[in-house]
């Protein structure tokens, strides 16, 4: 077990506190741990998708078209 300190918006902290108060989690740490456990491993998924794209012969131009079509370029600019 590793102890870490994080900062979260007040509304997220309130959700964690409410989950504990309602008996949905035994502690704030347990609530965050469960949320993280359920979250997909997006890094591993991206690596797998990249490998599949390479094997299928997807080009950079194909990827650029897909990102533009899905509106992902504008999302990256905001992040």
Protein backbone atom coordinates (compact mmCIF):
# COMPACT_ATOMS: atom_id res chain seq x y z
CA UNK A 1 0.00 0.00 0.00
CA UNK A 2 1.33 3.43 -0.91
CA UNK A 3 0.18 6.69 0.66
CA UNK A 4 -0.23 9.67 -1.68
CA UNK A 5 -1.62 13.16 -1.31
CA UNK A 6 -3.84 14.65 -4.01
CA UNK A 7 -5.79 17.85 -4.50
CA UNK A 8 -9.28 17.62 -5.95
CA UNK A 9 -12.04 20.13 -6.64
CA UNK A 10 -14.43 20.72 -3.74
CA UNK A 11 -17.31 19.00 -5.55
CA UNK A 12 -15.24 15.83 -6.01
CA UNK A 13 -14.27 15.82 -2.35
CA UNK A 14 -17.96 16.25 -1.47
CA UNK A 15 -18.83 13.18 -3.57
CA UNK A 16 -16.25 11.14 -1.69
CA UNK A 17 -17.46 12.41 1.67
CA UNK A 18 -21.08 11.68 0.73
CA UNK A 19 -20.19 8.15 -0.38
CA UNK A 20 -18.62 7.51 3.02
CA UNK A 21 -21.55 9.10 4.88
CA UNK A 22 -24.03 6.95 2.93
CA UNK A 23 -22.04 3.78 3.61
CA UNK A 24 -21.08 3.30 -0.05
CA UNK A 25 -17.38 3.39 0.88
CA UNK A 26 -15.53 2.70 4.10
CA UNK A 27 -13.29 5.74 3.64
CA UNK A 28 -12.43 8.51 1.21
CA UNK A 29 -9.31 6.55 0.27
CA UNK A 30 -11.40 3.44 -0.41
CA UNK A 31 -13.78 5.48 -2.59
CA UNK A 32 -10.94 6.89 -4.71
CA UNK A 33 -9.28 3.47 -4.91
CA UNK A 34 -12.48 1.88 -6.23
CA UNK A 35 -12.94 4.64 -8.81
CA UNK A 36 -9.34 4.19 -10.00
CA UNK A 37 -9.69 0.40 -10.06
CA UNK A 38 -12.75 0.63 -12.34
CA UNK A 39 -11.14 3.16 -14.70
CA UNK A 40 -9.78 1.54 -17.86
CA UNK A 41 -6.03 1.55 -18.39
CA UNK A 42 -6.10 4.10 -21.20
CA UNK A 43 -2.32 3.99 -21.71
CA UNK A 44 -2.40 0.24 -22.37
CA UNK A 45 -5.44 0.65 -24.62
CA UNK A 46 -3.69 3.34 -26.65
CA UNK A 47 -0.59 1.15 -27.02
CA UNK A 48 -2.72 -1.77 -28.23
CA UNK A 49 -4.57 0.47 -30.70
CA UNK A 50 -1.27 1.83 -32.01
CA UNK A 51 0.04 -1.71 -32.53
CA UNK A 52 -3.13 -2.72 -34.38
CA UNK A 53 -2.98 0.40 -36.54
CA UNK A 54 0.65 -0.34 -37.43
CA UNK A 55 -0.16 -3.95 -38.31
CA UNK A 56 -3.11 -2.81 -40.45
CA UNK A 57 -1.03 -0.22 -42.29
CA UNK A 58 -2.82 2.86 -40.98
CA UNK A 59 -0.90 5.95 -42.09
CA UNK A 60 -0.32 9.26 -40.32
CA UNK A 61 -2.67 10.82 -42.88
CA UNK A 62 -5.37 8.29 -41.91
CA UNK A 63 -4.90 9.15 -38.24
CA UNK A 64 -5.00 12.90 -38.93
CA UNK A 65 -8.24 12.50 -40.88
CA UNK A 66 -9.80 10.42 -38.08
CA UNK A 67 -8.74 12.91 -35.37
CA UNK A 68 -10.15 15.82 -37.38
CA UNK A 69 -13.37 13.96 -38.16
CA UNK A 70 -13.89 13.04 -34.51
CA UNK A 71 -12.98 16.54 -33.34
CA UNK A 72 -10.07 15.29 -31.25
CA UNK A 73 -7.60 17.92 -32.46
CA UNK A 74 -9.59 20.68 -30.75
CA UNK A 75 -9.73 18.64 -27.53
CA UNK A 76 -5.92 18.30 -27.48
CA UNK A 77 -5.55 22.06 -27.92
CA UNK A 78 -7.67 22.70 -24.80
CA UNK A 79 -5.85 20.11 -22.67
